[in-house]
Amino acid sequence: MDIRSTLAAQQYAATRPATAPKPVAGGTEAGIAELAKDFAATLTQGEEAAKATMTGGADPHALVQALAQTELAVETAVTMRDKVVEAYQEILRMPV
């Protein structure tokens, strides 16, 4: 067996699959809090870019990019909310 293929196999086995969730220190609550902070930061950046563009301090391209990021963050939050509500309703429909 070639040494390069052995090293490649070891490297492959040692890496975390892309689909596996990243471990969060502090549990789920810390992960949710971090997501909320990231969401708020994205909204703040969009507002700051809009203000800077209105006062002439930023180019329109930066505004479009910030608004696209904000739109994606809001759509993601709405989708997550819908999934949580759907799961809750499914739990309520379960027979006891």
Protein backbone atom coordinates (compact mmCIF):
# COMPACT_ATOMS: atom_id res chain seq x y z
CA MET A 1 0.00 0.00 0.00
CA ASP A 2 1.26 3.44 -0.89
CA ILE A 3 2.04 5.73 2.06
CA ARG A 4 0.24 8.64 0.39
CA SER A 5 -3.02 6.72 0.14
CA THR A 6 -2.74 5.70 3.81
CA LEU A 7 -2.21 9.32 4.86
CA ALA A 8 -5.07 10.44 2.65
CA ALA A 9 -7.37 7.84 4.21
CA GLN A 10 -6.35 8.94 7.72
CA GLN A 11 -6.91 12.60 6.85
CA TYR A 12 -10.29 11.79 5.36
CA ALA A 13 -11.36 9.80 8.42
CA ALA A 14 -10.17 12.56 10.75
CA THR A 15 -12.17 15.32 9.11
CA ARG A 16 -15.70 16.07 10.20
CA PRO A 17 -18.31 15.51 7.50
CA ALA A 18 -19.76 18.72 6.08
CA THR A 19 -23.27 17.68 7.05
CA ALA A 20 -22.49 17.11 10.73
CA PRO A 21 -23.47 19.98 13.01
CA LYS A 22 -20.72 21.92 14.70
CA PRO A 23 -20.62 21.37 18.45
CA VAL A 24 -21.65 24.45 20.40
CA ALA A 25 -20.11 25.18 23.78
CA GLY A 26 -22.83 25.77 26.35
CA GLY A 27 -25.53 23.70 24.70
CA THR A 28 -28.48 24.58 22.52
CA GLU A 29 -29.33 27.77 24.38
CA ALA A 30 -25.91 29.23 23.61
CA GLY A 31 -26.33 28.29 19.96
CA ILE A 32 -29.72 29.96 19.73
CA ALA A 33 -28.40 33.05 21.49
CA GLU A 34 -25.50 33.22 19.04
CA LEU A 35 -27.89 32.90 16.09
CA ALA A 36 -30.02 35.72 17.48
CA LYS A 37 -26.94 37.93 17.87
CA ASP A 38 -25.84 37.17 14.30
CA PHE A 39 -29.34 37.95 13.04
CA ALA A 40 -29.42 41.26 14.89
CA ALA A 41 -25.94 42.13 13.62
CA THR A 42 -27.01 41.45 10.03
CA LEU A 43 -30.04 43.71 10.42
CA THR A 44 -27.90 46.43 11.97
CA GLN A 45 -25.38 46.25 9.13
CA GLY A 46 -28.20 46.60 6.60
CA GLU A 47 -29.58 49.65 8.38
CA GLU A 48 -26.12 51.25 8.62
CA ALA A 49 -25.50 50.64 4.91
CA ALA A 50 -28.88 52.21 4.06
CA LYS A 51 -28.13 55.25 6.20
CA ALA A 52 -24.67 55.63 4.70
CA THR A 53 -26.06 55.41 1.17
CA MET A 54 -28.73 58.03 1.89
CA THR A 55 -26.12 60.45 3.22
CA GLY A 56 -23.78 59.74 0.32
CA GLY A 57 -21.17 57.86 2.32
CA ALA A 58 -21.45 54.47 0.60
CA ASP A 59 -21.82 53.16 -2.91
CA PRO A 60 -25.11 51.65 -4.09
CA HIS A 61 -23.46 48.27 -4.63
CA ALA A 62 -22.74 47.99 -0.88
CA LEU A 63 -26.38 48.84 -0.15
CA VAL A 64 -27.68 46.16 -2.51
CA GLN A 65 -25.34 43.59 -0.99
CA ALA A 66 -26.35 44.52 2.58
CA LEU A 67 -30.05 44.42 1.69
CA ALA A 68 -29.65 41.00 0.05
CA GLN A 69 -27.97 39.67 3.20
CA THR A 70 -30.71 41.16 5.35
CA GLU A 71 -33.42 39.68 3.14
CA LEU A 72 -31.81 36.25 3.34
CA ALA A 73 -31.55 36.50 7.14
CA VAL A 74 -35.21 37.49 7.49
CA GLU A 75 -36.37 34.73 5.13
CA THR A 76 -34.31 32.20 7.11
CA ALA A 77 -35.79 33.39 10.40
CA VAL A 78 -39.33 33.20 9.03
CA THR A 79 -38.72 29.70 7.68
CA MET A 80 -37.34 28.56 11.02
CA ARG A 81 -40.32 30.05 12.84
CA ASP A 82 -42.72 28.29 10.47
CA LYS A 83 -40.97 24.95 11.04
CA VAL A 84 -41.13 25.36 14.82
CA VAL A 85 -44.83 26.22 14.69
CA GLU A 86 -45.47 23.28 12.37
CA ALA A 87 -43.63 20.92 14.74
CA TYR A 88 -45.57 22.28 17.72
CA GLN A 89 -48.87 21.79 15.93
CA GLU A 90 -47.84 18.25 15.00
CA ILE A 91 -47.09 17.52 18.67
CA LEU A 92 -50.52 18.87 19.65
CA ARG A 93 -52.18 16.52 17.16
CA MET A 94 -50.52 13.45 18.70
CA PRO A 95 -52.83 11.21 20.68
CA VAL A 96 -51.98 10.93 24.36
